[in-house]
Amino acid sequence: MVEAVATDDVKQALNRPQALPFPGALQTPELFDRLRSVMAASPVIFEVAVVKPQGEILADSFADRQGEACPRYPDLTPLVNQGSWLDKLRVLLGRNTGYLQIEEQLGPPLLFVRVIVARH
């Protein structure tokens, strides 16, 4: 659900009539605030990033990450779509630490909305 909300926020920023040309439409305080609030919706969400195919961050829930590289993490989508609630709980609260991601492809121009989840 968080990924869907973040994706919708990005689409709105890109499609706003008075929006700056790409990628400027993604580099507004309004979108930063929206991504930050999406990230704050859950304690397991570590970061929400809008990235180019090569991984360069265009917009992020952390304002200082623009232009940096966003690494790819293992895909959480199969667990979200097919795992039981118990499987999900085990992954998120288990002893393994690290990050997982869910991403949505948008375009053209091709870009990805990436929600990064922290395992504690």
PDB file of N, CA and C in Angstrom:
ATOM      1  N   MET A   1       0.821  -1.186   0.000  1.00  0.00           N
ATOM      2  CA  MET A   1       0.000   0.000   0.000  1.00  0.00           C
ATOM      3  C   MET A   1       0.872   1.259   0.000  1.00  0.00           C
ATOM      4  N   VAL A   2       1.949   1.238   0.753  1.00  0.00           N
ATOM      5  CA  VAL A   2       2.843   2.389   0.815  1.00  0.00           C
ATOM      6  C   VAL A   2       3.432   2.686  -0.565  1.00  0.00           C
ATOM      7  N   GLU A   3       3.821   1.623  -1.275  1.00  0.00           N
ATOM      8  CA  GLU A   3       4.382   1.793  -2.618  1.00  0.00           C
ATOM      9  C   GLU A   3       3.356   2.429  -3.546  1.00  0.00           C
ATOM     10  N   ALA A   4       2.087   2.044  -3.436  1.00  0.00           N
ATOM     11  CA  ALA A   4       1.032   2.617  -4.284  1.00  0.00           C
ATOM     12  C   ALA A   4       0.832   4.101  -3.986  1.00  0.00           C
ATOM     13  N   VAL A   5       0.866   4.478  -2.730  1.00  0.00           N
ATOM     14  CA  VAL A   5       0.715   5.883  -2.351  1.00  0.00           C
ATOM     15  C   VAL A   5       1.898   6.706  -2.868  1.00  0.00           C
ATOM     16  N   ALA A   6       3.105   6.199  -2.684  1.00  0.00           N
ATOM     17  CA  ALA A   6       4.295   6.912  -3.157  1.00  0.00           C
ATOM     18  C   ALA A   6       4.271   7.051  -4.677  1.00  0.00           C
ATOM     19  N   THR A   7       3.872   5.990  -5.372  1.00  0.00           N
ATOM     20  CA  THR A   7       3.792   6.033  -6.840  1.00  0.00           C
ATOM     21  C   THR A   7       2.775   7.075  -7.283  1.00  0.00           C
ATOM     22  N   ASP A   8       1.639   7.131  -6.617  1.00  0.00           N
ATOM     23  CA  ASP A   8       0.619   8.128  -6.949  1.00  0.00           C
ATOM     24  C   ASP A   8       1.140   9.549  -6.729  1.00  0.00           C
ATOM     25  N   ASP A   9       1.878   9.765  -5.654  1.00  0.00           N
ATOM     26  CA  ASP A   9       2.462  11.085  -5.386  1.00  0.00           C
ATOM     27  C   ASP A   9       3.421  11.494  -6.501  1.00  0.00           C
ATOM     28  N   VAL A  10       4.222  10.562  -6.980  1.00  0.00           N
ATOM     29  CA  VAL A  10       5.170  10.843  -8.066  1.00  0.00           C
ATOM     30  C   VAL A  10       4.421  11.159  -9.352  1.00  0.00           C
ATOM     31  N   LYS A  11       3.398  10.387  -9.664  1.00  0.00           N
ATOM     32  CA  LYS A  11       2.597  10.650 -10.866  1.00  0.00           C
ATOM     33  C   LYS A  11       1.969  12.035 -10.811  1.00  0.00           C
ATOM     34  N   GLN A  12       1.431  12.405  -9.658  1.00  0.00           N
ATOM     35  CA  GLN A  12       0.827  13.724  -9.504  1.00  0.00           C
ATOM     36  C   GLN A  12       1.859  14.834  -9.714  1.00  0.00           C
ATOM     37  N   ALA A  13       3.054  14.649  -9.186  1.00  0.00           N
ATOM     38  CA  ALA A  13       4.105  15.657  -9.352  1.00  0.00           C
ATOM     39  C   ALA A  13       4.479  15.816 -10.818  1.00  0.00           C
ATOM     40  N   LEU A  14       4.537  14.707 -11.541  1.00  0.00           N
ATOM     41  CA  LEU A  14       4.922  14.753 -12.955  1.00  0.00           C
ATOM     42  C   LEU A  14       3.809  15.293 -13.843  1.00  0.00           C
ATOM     43  N   ASN A  15       2.560  15.094 -13.462  1.00  0.00           N
ATOM     44  CA  ASN A  15       1.428  15.465 -14.301  1.00  0.00           C
ATOM     45  C   ASN A  15       0.762  16.782 -13.917  1.00  0.00           C
ATOM     46  N   ARG A  16       1.283  17.452 -12.921  1.00  0.00           N
ATOM     47  CA  ARG A  16       0.728  18.736 -12.506  1.00  0.00           C
ATOM     48  C   ARG A  16       0.880  19.734 -13.654  1.00  0.00           C
ATOM     49  N   PRO A  17      -0.198  20.484 -14.002  1.00  0.00           N
ATOM     50  CA  PRO A  17      -0.126  21.403 -15.142  1.00  0.00           C
ATOM     51  C   PRO A  17       1.024  22.406 -15.061  1.00  0.00           C
ATOM     52  N   GLN A  18       1.322  22.905 -13.896  1.00  0.00           N
ATOM     53  CA  GLN A  18       2.378  23.901 -13.756  1.00  0.00           C
ATOM     54  C   GLN A  18       3.721  23.266 -13.395  1.00  0.00           C
ATOM     55  N   ALA A  19       3.818  21.947 -13.572  1.00  0.00           N
ATOM     56  CA  ALA A  19       5.043  21.234 -13.189  1.00  0.00           C
ATOM     57  C   ALA A  19       6.222  21.657 -14.050  1.00  0.00           C
ATOM     58  N   LEU A  20       7.382  21.631 -13.440  1.00  0.00           N
ATOM     59  CA  LEU A  20       8.622  21.875 -14.157  1.00  0.00           C
ATOM     60  C   LEU A  20       8.880  20.710 -15.110  1.00  0.00           C
ATOM     61  N   PRO A  21       9.699  20.909 -16.131  1.00  0.00           N
ATOM     62  CA  PRO A  21      10.050  19.778 -16.997  1.00  0.00           C
ATOM     63  C   PRO A  21      10.794  18.701 -16.195  1.00  0.00           C
ATOM     64  N   PHE A  22      10.731  17.477 -16.692  1.00  0.00           N
ATOM     65  CA  PHE A  22      11.435  16.354 -16.061  1.00  0.00           C
ATOM     66  C   PHE A  22      12.931  16.615 -16.071  1.00  0.00           C
ATOM     67  N   PRO A  23      13.680  16.384 -15.038  1.00  0.00           N
ATOM     68  CA  PRO A  23      13.310  15.807 -13.753  1.00  0.00           C
ATOM     69  C   PRO A  23      12.952  16.840 -12.689  1.00  0.00           C
ATOM     70  N   GLY A  24      12.915  18.120 -13.051  1.00  0.00           N
ATOM     71  CA  GLY A  24      12.631  19.175 -12.077  1.00  0.00           C
ATOM     72  C   GLY A  24      11.322  18.986 -11.335  1.00  0.00           C
ATOM     73  N   ALA A  25      10.323  18.395 -11.993  1.00  0.00           N
ATOM     74  CA  ALA A  25       9.027  18.172 -11.347  1.00  0.00           C
ATOM     75  C   ALA A  25       9.143  17.239 -10.153  1.00  0.00           C
ATOM     76  N   LEU A  26      10.203  16.458 -10.110  1.00  0.00           N
ATOM     77  CA  LEU A  26      10.407  15.523  -8.996  1.00  0.00           C
ATOM     78  C   LEU A  26      11.237  16.133  -7.871  1.00  0.00           C
ATOM     79  N   GLN A  27      11.760  17.308  -8.078  1.00  0.00           N
ATOM     80  CA  GLN A  27      12.686  17.896  -7.114  1.00  0.00           C
ATOM     81  C   GLN A  27      12.073  19.104  -6.417  1.00  0.00           C
ATOM     82  N   THR A  28      10.823  18.921  -5.983  1.00  0.00           N
ATOM     83  CA  THR A  28      10.097  20.000  -5.315  1.00  0.00           C
ATOM     84  C   THR A  28       9.957  19.709  -3.828  1.00  0.00           C
ATOM     85  N   PRO A  29       9.828  20.748  -3.019  1.00  0.00           N
ATOM     86  CA  PRO A  29       9.607  20.529  -1.581  1.00  0.00           C
ATOM     87  C   PRO A  29       8.315  19.761  -1.312  1.00  0.00           C
ATOM     88  N   GLU A  30       7.307  19.953  -2.162  1.00  0.00           N
ATOM     89  CA  GLU A  30       6.035  19.257  -1.959  1.00  0.00           C
ATOM     90  C   GLU A  30       6.196  17.744  -2.100  1.00  0.00           C
ATOM     91  N   LEU A  31       6.904  17.312  -3.141  1.00  0.00           N
ATOM     92  CA  LEU A  31       7.107  15.871  -3.313  1.00  0.00           C
ATOM     93  C   LEU A  31       7.985  15.321  -2.197  1.00  0.00           C
ATOM     94  N   PHE A  32       9.016  16.050  -1.812  1.00  0.00           N
ATOM     95  CA  PHE A  32       9.852  15.611  -0.692  1.00  0.00           C
ATOM     96  C   PHE A  32       8.991  15.400   0.556  1.00  0.00           C
ATOM     97  N   ASP A  33       8.107  16.350   0.860  1.00  0.00           N
ATOM     98  CA  ASP A  33       7.237  16.232   2.033  1.00  0.00           C
ATOM     99  C   ASP A  33       6.334  15.013   1.935  1.00  0.00           C
ATOM    100  N   ARG A  34       5.805  14.758   0.736  1.00  0.00           N
ATOM    101  CA  ARG A  34       4.922  13.598   0.543  1.00  0.00           C
ATOM    102  C   ARG A  34       5.703  12.283   0.730  1.00  0.00           C
ATOM    103  N   LEU A  35       6.895  12.193   0.133  1.00  0.00           N
ATOM    104  CA  LEU A  35       7.693  10.971   0.279  1.00  0.00           C
ATOM    105  C   LEU A  35       8.103  10.770   1.737  1.00  0.00           C
ATOM    106  N   ARG A  36       8.425  11.856   2.405  1.00  0.00           N
ATOM    107  CA  ARG A  36       8.810  11.786   3.823  1.00  0.00           C
ATOM    108  C   ARG A  36       7.639  11.292   4.675  1.00  0.00           C
ATOM    109  N   SER A  37       6.426  11.787   4.390  1.00  0.00           N
ATOM    110  CA  SER A  37       5.265  11.356   5.181  1.00  0.00           C
ATOM    111  C   SER A  37       4.906   9.901   4.884  1.00  0.00           C
ATOM    112  N   VAL A  38       5.096   9.458   3.638  1.00  0.00           N
ATOM    113  CA  VAL A  38       4.875   8.048   3.301  1.00  0.00           C
ATOM    114  C   VAL A  38       5.861   7.182   4.077  1.00  0.00           C
ATOM    115  N   MET A  39       7.113   7.599   4.127  1.00  0.00           N
ATOM    116  CA  MET A  39       8.130   6.849   4.844  1.00  0.00           C
ATOM    117  C   MET A  39       7.793   6.763   6.336  1.00  0.00           C
ATOM    118  N   ALA A  40       7.298   7.855   6.888  1.00  0.00           N
ATOM    119  CA  ALA A  40       6.995   7.899   8.315  1.00  0.00           C
ATOM    120  C   ALA A  40       5.755   7.087   8.684  1.00  0.00           C
ATOM    121  N   ALA A  41       5.021   6.592   7.688  1.00  0.00           N
ATOM    122  CA  ALA A  41       3.792   5.847   7.955  1.00  0.00           C
ATOM    123  C   ALA A  41       4.035   4.514   8.639  1.00  0.00           C
ATOM    124  N   SER A  42       5.239   3.996   8.548  1.00  0.00           N
ATOM    125  CA  SER A  42       5.531   2.702   9.150  1.00  0.00           C
ATOM    126  C   SER A  42       6.955   2.683   9.688  1.00  0.00           C
ATOM    127  N   PRO A  43       7.159   2.095  10.848  1.00  0.00           N
ATOM    128  CA  PRO A  43       8.514   2.050  11.413  1.00  0.00           C
ATOM    129  C   PRO A  43       9.470   1.146  10.639  1.00  0.00           C
ATOM    130  N   VAL A  44       8.967   0.258   9.783  1.00  0.00           N
ATOM    131  CA  VAL A  44       9.852  -0.621   9.027  1.00  0.00           C
ATOM    132  C   VAL A  44      10.300  -0.012   7.696  1.00  0.00           C
ATOM    133  N   ILE A  45       9.675   1.092   7.281  1.00  0.00           N
ATOM    134  CA  ILE A  45      10.076   1.715   6.017  1.00  0.00           C
ATOM    135  C   ILE A  45      11.306   2.566   6.272  1.00  0.00           C
ATOM    136  N   PHE A  46      12.371   2.243   5.570  1.00  0.00           N
ATOM    137  CA  PHE A  46      13.637   2.934   5.740  1.00  0.00           C
ATOM    138  C   PHE A  46      13.760   4.133   4.806  1.00  0.00           C
ATOM    139  N   GLU A  47      13.278   4.002   3.575  1.00  0.00           N
ATOM    140  CA  GLU A  47      13.476   5.054   2.576  1.00  0.00           C
ATOM    141  C   GLU A  47      12.481   4.873   1.439  1.00  0.00           C
ATOM    142  N   VAL A  48      12.094   5.987   0.825  1.00  0.00           N
ATOM    143  CA  VAL A  48      11.302   5.976  -0.402  1.00  0.00           C
ATOM    144  C   VAL A  48      12.087   6.796  -1.417  1.00  0.00           C
ATOM    145  N   ALA A  49      12.421   6.181  -2.551  1.00  0.00           N
ATOM    146  CA  ALA A  49      13.263   6.849  -3.545  1.00  0.00           C
ATOM    147  C   ALA A  49      12.646   6.735  -4.934  1.00  0.00           C
ATOM    148  N   VAL A  50      12.861   7.767  -5.735  1.00  0.00           N
ATOM    149  CA  VAL A  50      12.522   7.738  -7.159  1.00  0.00           C
ATOM    150  C   VAL A  50      13.858   7.707  -7.878  1.00  0.00           C
ATOM    151  N   VAL A  51      14.081   6.644  -8.658  1.00  0.00           N
ATOM    152  CA  VAL A  51      15.403   6.426  -9.241  1.00  0.00           C
ATOM    153  C   VAL A  51      15.330   6.210 -10.751  1.00  0.00           C
ATOM    154  N   LYS A  52      16.424   6.572 -11.405  1.00  0.00           N
ATOM    155  CA  LYS A  52      16.613   6.259 -12.820  1.00  0.00           C
ATOM    156  C   LYS A  52      16.932   4.770 -12.938  1.00  0.00           C
ATOM    157  N   PRO A  53      16.856   4.199 -14.153  1.00  0.00           N
ATOM    158  CA  PRO A  53      17.192   2.775 -14.312  1.00  0.00           C
ATOM    159  C   PRO A  53      18.589   2.416 -13.800  1.00  0.00           C
ATOM    160  N   GLN A  54      19.535   3.340 -13.869  1.00  0.00           N
ATOM    161  CA  GLN A  54      20.895   3.075 -13.398  1.00  0.00           C
ATOM    162  C   GLN A  54      21.018   3.205 -11.879  1.00  0.00           C
ATOM    163  N   GLY A  55      19.941   3.624 -11.204  1.00  0.00           N
ATOM    164  CA  GLY A  55      19.954   3.735  -9.756  1.00  0.00           C
ATOM    165  C   GLY A  55      20.189   5.127  -9.208  1.00  0.00           C
ATOM    166  N   GLU A  56      20.389   6.128 -10.063  1.00  0.00           N
ATOM    167  CA  GLU A  56      20.585   7.499  -9.573  1.00  0.00           C
ATOM    168  C   GLU A  56      19.285   8.027  -8.988  1.00  0.00           C
ATOM    169  N   ILE A  57      19.370   8.586  -7.791  1.00  0.00           N
ATOM    170  CA  ILE A  57      18.190   9.091  -7.093  1.00  0.00           C
ATOM    171  C   ILE A  57      17.791  10.458  -7.657  1.00  0.00           C
ATOM    172  N   LEU A  58      16.517  10.549  -8.089  1.00  0.00           N
ATOM    173  CA  LEU A  58      15.956  11.809  -8.573  1.00  0.00           C
ATOM    174  C   LEU A  58      15.188  12.532  -7.477  1.00  0.00           C
ATOM    175  N   ALA A  59      14.543  11.779  -6.608  1.00  0.00           N
ATOM    176  CA  ALA A  59      13.792  12.323  -5.466  1.00  0.00           C
ATOM    177  C   ALA A  59      13.841  11.270  -4.372  1.00  0.00           C
ATOM    178  N   ASP A  60      13.769  11.728  -3.135  1.00  0.00           N
ATOM    179  CA  ASP A  60      13.949  10.788  -2.036  1.00  0.00           C
ATOM    180  C   ASP A  60      13.293  11.328  -0.775  1.00  0.00           C
ATOM    181  N   SER A  61      12.984  10.431   0.138  1.00  0.00           N
ATOM    182  CA  SER A  61      12.452  10.828   1.434  1.00  0.00           C
ATOM    183  C   SER A  61      13.532  11.465   2.312  1.00  0.00           C
ATOM    184  N   PHE A  62      14.800  11.366   1.898  1.00  0.00           N
ATOM    185  CA  PHE A  62      15.904  12.078   2.532  1.00  0.00           C
ATOM    186  C   PHE A  62      16.388  13.125   1.530  1.00  0.00           C
ATOM    187  N   ALA A  63      16.223  14.389   1.836  1.00  0.00           N
ATOM    188  CA  ALA A  63      16.509  15.467   0.886  1.00  0.00           C
ATOM    189  C   ALA A  63      17.945  15.456   0.384  1.00  0.00           C
ATOM    190  N   ASP A  64      18.887  15.018   1.191  1.00  0.00           N
ATOM    191  CA  ASP A  64      20.294  15.081   0.802  1.00  0.00           C
ATOM    192  C   ASP A  64      20.750  13.911  -0.067  1.00  0.00           C
ATOM    193  N   ARG A  65      19.850  13.002  -0.439  1.00  0.00           N
ATOM    194  CA  ARG A  65      20.237  11.829  -1.236  1.00  0.00           C
ATOM    195  C   ARG A  65      20.111  12.046  -2.741  1.00  0.00           C
ATOM    196  N   GLN A  66      19.529  13.151  -3.178  1.00  0.00           N
ATOM    197  CA  GLN A  66      19.366  13.416  -4.611  1.00  0.00           C
ATOM    198  C   GLN A  66      20.719  13.358  -5.324  1.00  0.00           C
ATOM    199  N   GLY A  67      20.765  12.614  -6.434  1.00  0.00           N
ATOM    200  CA  GLY A  67      21.990  12.477  -7.204  1.00  0.00           C
ATOM    201  C   GLY A  67      22.863  11.311  -6.776  1.00  0.00           C
ATOM    202  N   GLU A  68      22.624  10.759  -5.597  1.00  0.00           N
ATOM    203  CA  GLU A  68      23.393   9.598  -5.130  1.00  0.00           C
ATOM    204  C   GLU A  68      22.868   8.320  -5.776  1.00  0.00           C
ATOM    205  N   ALA A  69      23.604   7.247  -5.611  1.00  0.00           N
ATOM    206  CA  ALA A  69      23.179   5.941  -6.110  1.00  0.00           C
ATOM    207  C   ALA A  69      22.346   5.241  -5.045  1.00  0.00           C
ATOM    208  N   CYS A  70      21.270   4.617  -5.481  1.00  0.00           N
ATOM    209  CA  CYS A  70      20.415   3.831  -4.587  1.00  0.00           C
ATOM    210  C   CYS A  70      20.624   2.362  -4.927  1.00  0.00           C
ATOM    211  N   PRO A  71      21.213   1.608  -4.037  1.00  0.00           N
ATOM    212  CA  PRO A  71      21.467   0.197  -4.346  1.00  0.00           C
ATOM    213  C   PRO A  71      20.168  -0.595  -4.474  1.00  0.00           C
ATOM    214  N   ARG A  72      20.232  -1.686  -5.205  1.00  0.00           N
ATOM    215  CA  ARG A  72      19.102  -2.612  -5.311  1.00  0.00           C
ATOM    216  C   ARG A  72      19.199  -3.592  -4.140  1.00  0.00           C
ATOM    217  N   TYR A  73      18.048  -3.903  -3.597  1.00  0.00           N
ATOM    218  CA  TYR A  73      17.956  -4.860  -2.501  1.00  0.00           C
ATOM    219  C   TYR A  73      17.084  -6.036  -2.945  1.00  0.00           C
ATOM    220  N   PRO A  74      17.097  -7.128  -2.202  1.00  0.00           N
ATOM    221  CA  PRO A  74      16.223  -8.251  -2.556  1.00  0.00           C
ATOM    222  C   PRO A  74      14.755  -7.805  -2.648  1.00  0.00           C
ATOM    223  N   ASP A  75      14.043  -8.407  -3.581  1.00  0.00           N
ATOM    224  CA  ASP A  75      12.662  -8.032  -3.869  1.00  0.00           C
ATOM    225  C   ASP A  75      11.704  -8.609  -2.827  1.00  0.00           C
ATOM    226  N   LEU A  76      10.911  -7.739  -2.251  1.00  0.00           N
ATOM    227  CA  LEU A  76       9.928  -8.126  -1.245  1.00  0.00           C
ATOM    228  C   LEU A  76       8.577  -8.469  -1.880  1.00  0.00           C
ATOM    229  N   THR A  77       8.401  -8.197  -3.175  1.00  0.00           N
ATOM    230  CA  THR A  77       7.111  -8.375  -3.842  1.00  0.00           C
ATOM    231  C   THR A  77       6.544  -9.789  -3.717  1.00  0.00           C
ATOM    232  N   PRO A  78       7.329 -10.847  -3.958  1.00  0.00           N
ATOM    233  CA  PRO A  78       6.737 -12.191  -3.817  1.00  0.00           C
ATOM    234  C   PRO A  78       6.166 -12.460  -2.421  1.00  0.00           C
ATOM    235  N   LEU A  79       6.859 -11.999  -1.400  1.00  0.00           N
ATOM    236  CA  LEU A  79       6.368 -12.190  -0.044  1.00  0.00           C
ATOM    237  C   LEU A  79       5.085 -11.399   0.174  1.00  0.00           C
ATOM    238  N   VAL A  80       5.041 -10.165  -0.323  1.00  0.00           N
ATOM    239  CA  VAL A  80       3.856  -9.328  -0.159  1.00  0.00           C
ATOM    240  C   VAL A  80       2.663  -9.951  -0.879  1.00  0.00           C
ATOM    241  N   ASN A  81       2.883 -10.437  -2.094  1.00  0.00           N
ATOM    242  CA  ASN A  81       1.779 -10.950  -2.906  1.00  0.00           C
ATOM    243  C   ASN A  81       1.371 -12.383  -2.579  1.00  0.00           C
ATOM    244  N   GLN A  82       2.300 -13.195  -2.086  1.00  0.00           N
ATOM    245  CA  GLN A  82       1.996 -14.610  -1.922  1.00  0.00           C
ATOM    246  C   GLN A  82       2.203 -15.137  -0.503  1.00  0.00           C
ATOM    247  N   GLY A  83       2.898 -14.403   0.321  1.00  0.00           N
ATOM    248  CA  GLY A  83       3.186 -14.898   1.664  1.00  0.00           C
ATOM    249  C   GLY A  83       2.026 -14.688   2.619  1.00  0.00           C
ATOM    250  N   SER A  84       1.951 -15.544   3.607  1.00  0.00           N
ATOM    251  CA  SER A  84       0.935 -15.387   4.654  1.00  0.00           C
ATOM    252  C   SER A  84       1.369 -14.261   5.592  1.00  0.00           C
ATOM    253  N   TRP A  85       0.474 -13.814   6.423  1.00  0.00           N
ATOM    254  CA  TRP A  85       0.833 -12.756   7.371  1.00  0.00           C
ATOM    255  C   TRP A  85       1.917 -13.239   8.316  1.00  0.00           C
ATOM    256  N   LEU A  86       1.920 -14.546   8.624  1.00  0.00           N
ATOM    257  CA  LEU A  86       2.949 -15.103   9.500  1.00  0.00           C
ATOM    258  C   LEU A  86       4.317 -15.080   8.811  1.00  0.00           C
ATOM    259  N   ASP A  87       4.353 -15.411   7.507  1.00  0.00           N
ATOM    260  CA  ASP A  87       5.605 -15.337   6.749  1.00  0.00           C
ATOM    261  C   ASP A  87       6.152 -13.911   6.752  1.00  0.00           C
ATOM    262  N   LYS A  88       5.273 -12.951   6.545  1.00  0.00           N
ATOM    263  CA  LYS A  88       5.683 -11.546   6.518  1.00  0.00           C
ATOM    264  C   LYS A  88       6.235 -11.114   7.871  1.00  0.00           C
ATOM    265  N   LEU A  89       5.558 -11.512   8.921  1.00  0.00           N
ATOM    266  CA  LEU A  89       6.002 -11.171  10.265  1.00  0.00           C
ATOM    267  C   LEU A  89       7.368 -11.773  10.560  1.00  0.00           C
ATOM    268  N   ARG A  90       7.574 -13.018  10.145  1.00  0.00           N
ATOM    269  CA  ARG A  90       8.868 -13.673  10.363  1.00  0.00           C
ATOM    270  C   ARG A  90      10.006 -12.928   9.671  1.00  0.00           C
ATOM    271  N   VAL A  91       9.756 -12.485   8.439  1.00  0.00           N
ATOM    272  CA  VAL A  91      10.794 -11.775   7.685  1.00  0.00           C
ATOM    273  C   VAL A  91      11.088 -10.429   8.325  1.00  0.00           C
ATOM    274  N   LEU A  92      10.043  -9.675   8.654  1.00  0.00           N
ATOM    275  CA  LEU A  92      10.258  -8.328   9.186  1.00  0.00           C
ATOM    276  C   LEU A  92      10.780  -8.307  10.616  1.00  0.00           C
ATOM    277  N   LEU A  93      10.443  -9.304  11.396  1.00  0.00           N
ATOM    278  CA  LEU A  93      10.869  -9.313  12.804  1.00  0.00           C
ATOM    279  C   LEU A  93      11.916 -10.376  13.109  1.00  0.00           C
ATOM    280  N   GLY A  94      12.354 -11.101  12.090  1.00  0.00           N
ATOM    281  CA  GLY A  94      13.332 -12.164  12.290  1.00  0.00           C
ATOM    282  C   GLY A  94      14.706 -11.642  12.652  1.00  0.00           C
ATOM    283  N   ARG A  95      15.609 -12.561  12.825  1.00  0.00           N
ATOM    284  CA  ARG A  95      16.968 -12.206  13.241  1.00  0.00           C
ATOM    285  C   ARG A  95      17.826 -11.658  12.105  1.00  0.00           C
ATOM    286  N   ASN A  96      17.432 -11.912  10.869  1.00  0.00           N
ATOM    287  CA  ASN A  96      18.201 -11.386   9.734  1.00  0.00           C
ATOM    288  C   ASN A  96      18.060  -9.875   9.689  1.00  0.00           C
ATOM    289  N   THR A  97      19.163  -9.200   9.479  1.00  0.00           N
ATOM    290  CA  THR A  97      19.122  -7.757   9.320  1.00  0.00           C
ATOM    291  C   THR A  97      19.424  -7.422   7.869  1.00  0.00           C
ATOM    292  N   GLY A  98      19.066  -6.246   7.474  1.00  0.00           N
ATOM    293  CA  GLY A  98      19.305  -5.826   6.104  1.00  0.00           C
ATOM    294  C   GLY A  98      18.091  -5.136   5.540  1.00  0.00           C
ATOM    295  N   TYR A  99      18.061  -5.001   4.230  1.00  0.00           N
ATOM    296  CA  TYR A  99      17.002  -4.264   3.564  1.00  0.00           C
ATOM    297  C   TYR A  99      16.370  -5.101   2.461  1.00  0.00           C
ATOM    298  N   LEU A 100      15.099  -4.826   2.216  1.00  0.00           N
ATOM    299  CA  LEU A 100      14.333  -5.403   1.125  1.00  0.00           C
ATOM    300  C   LEU A 100      13.674  -4.249   0.389  1.00  0.00           C
ATOM    301  N   GLN A 101      13.216  -4.485  -0.830  1.00  0.00           N
ATOM    302  CA  GLN A 101      12.575  -3.403  -1.564  1.00  0.00           C
ATOM    303  C   GLN A 101      11.354  -3.887  -2.327  1.00  0.00           C
ATOM    304  N   ILE A 102      10.463  -2.944  -2.561  1.00  0.00           N
ATOM    305  CA  ILE A 102       9.345  -3.089  -3.482  1.00  0.00           C
ATOM    306  C   ILE A 102       9.478  -1.912  -4.424  1.00  0.00           C
ATOM    307  N   GLU A 103       9.341  -2.148  -5.735  1.00  0.00           N
ATOM    308  CA  GLU A 103       9.442  -1.016  -6.651  1.00  0.00           C
ATOM    309  C   GLU A 103       8.392  -1.098  -7.731  1.00  0.00           C
ATOM    310  N   GLU A 104       8.019   0.071  -8.220  1.00  0.00           N
ATOM    311  CA  GLU A 104       7.047   0.231  -9.291  1.00  0.00           C
ATOM    312  C   GLU A 104       7.724   0.976 -10.430  1.00  0.00           C
ATOM    313  N   GLN A 105       7.578   0.448 -11.623  1.00  0.00           N
ATOM    314  CA  GLN A 105       8.150   1.088 -12.817  1.00  0.00           C
ATOM    315  C   GLN A 105       7.158   2.099 -13.362  1.00  0.00           C
ATOM    316  N   LEU A 106       7.664   3.274 -13.719  1.00  0.00           N
ATOM    317  CA  LEU A 106       6.878   4.325 -14.357  1.00  0.00           C
ATOM    318  C   LEU A 106       7.584   4.754 -15.637  1.00  0.00           C
ATOM    319  N   GLY A 107       6.860   5.423 -16.500  1.00  0.00           N
ATOM    320  CA  GLY A 107       7.506   5.984 -17.683  1.00  0.00           C
ATOM    321  C   GLY A 107       6.597   5.977 -18.872  1.00  0.00           C
ATOM    322  N   PRO A 108       7.018   6.581 -19.945  1.00  0.00           N
ATOM    323  CA  PRO A 108       8.312   7.230 -20.152  1.00  0.00           C
ATOM    324  C   PRO A 108       8.343   8.617 -19.511  1.00  0.00           C
ATOM    325  N   PRO A 109       9.490   9.133 -19.210  1.00  0.00           N
ATOM    326  CA  PRO A 109      10.797   8.490 -19.183  1.00  0.00           C
ATOM    327  C   PRO A 109      10.814   7.418 -18.090  1.00  0.00           C
ATOM    328  N   LEU A 110      11.593   6.398 -18.334  1.00  0.00           N
ATOM    329  CA  LEU A 110      11.654   5.263 -17.427  1.00  0.00           C
ATOM    330  C   LEU A 110      12.249   5.671 -16.083  1.00  0.00           C
ATOM    331  N   LEU A 111      11.521   5.363 -15.010  1.00  0.00           N
ATOM    332  CA  LEU A 111      11.999   5.581 -13.648  1.00  0.00           C
ATOM    333  C   LEU A 111      11.287   4.600 -12.744  1.00  0.00           C
ATOM    334  N   PHE A 112      11.776   4.478 -11.530  1.00  0.00           N
ATOM    335  CA  PHE A 112      11.242   3.516 -10.575  1.00  0.00           C
ATOM    336  C   PHE A 112      10.977   4.199  -9.243  1.00  0.00           C
ATOM    337  N   VAL A 113       9.845   3.872  -8.629  1.00  0.00           N
ATOM    338  CA  VAL A 113       9.556   4.294  -7.270  1.00  0.00           C
ATOM    339  C   VAL A 113       9.909   3.098  -6.404  1.00  0.00           C
ATOM    340  N   ARG A 114      10.886   3.287  -5.533  1.00  0.00           N
ATOM    341  CA  ARG A 114      11.443   2.197  -4.727  1.00  0.00           C
ATOM    342  C   ARG A 114      11.170   2.462  -3.258  1.00  0.00           C
ATOM    343  N   VAL A 115      10.474   1.524  -2.611  1.00  0.00           N
ATOM    344  CA  VAL A 115      10.231   1.581  -1.169  1.00  0.00           C
ATOM    345  C   VAL A 115      11.163   0.563  -0.535  1.00  0.00           C
ATOM    346  N   ILE A 116      12.010   1.034   0.367  1.00  0.00           N
ATOM    347  CA  ILE A 116      13.018   0.184   1.000  1.00  0.00           C
ATOM    348  C   ILE A 116      12.591  -0.079   2.444  1.00  0.00           C
ATOM    349  N   VAL A 117      12.538  -1.357   2.786  1.00  0.00           N
ATOM    350  CA  VAL A 117      12.079  -1.802   4.104  1.00  0.00           C
ATOM    351  C   VAL A 117      13.285  -2.338   4.854  1.00  0.00           C
ATOM    352  N   ALA A 118      13.376  -1.957   6.132  1.00  0.00           N
ATOM    353  CA  ALA A 118      14.478  -2.428   6.983  1.00  0.00           C
ATOM    354  C   ALA A 118      14.034  -3.631   7.787  1.00  0.00           C
ATOM    355  N   ARG A 119      14.862  -4.660   7.783  1.00  0.00           N
ATOM    356  CA  ARG A 119      14.650  -5.812   8.674  1.00  0.00           C
ATOM    357  C   ARG A 119      15.518  -5.578   9.904  1.00  0.00           C
ATOM    358  N   HIS A 120      14.941  -5.732  11.042  1.00  0.00           N
ATOM    359  CA  HIS A 120      15.690  -5.476  12.282  1.00  0.00           C
ATOM    360  C   HIS A 120      16.174  -6.744  12.894  1.00  0.00           C
TER     361      HIS A 120
END
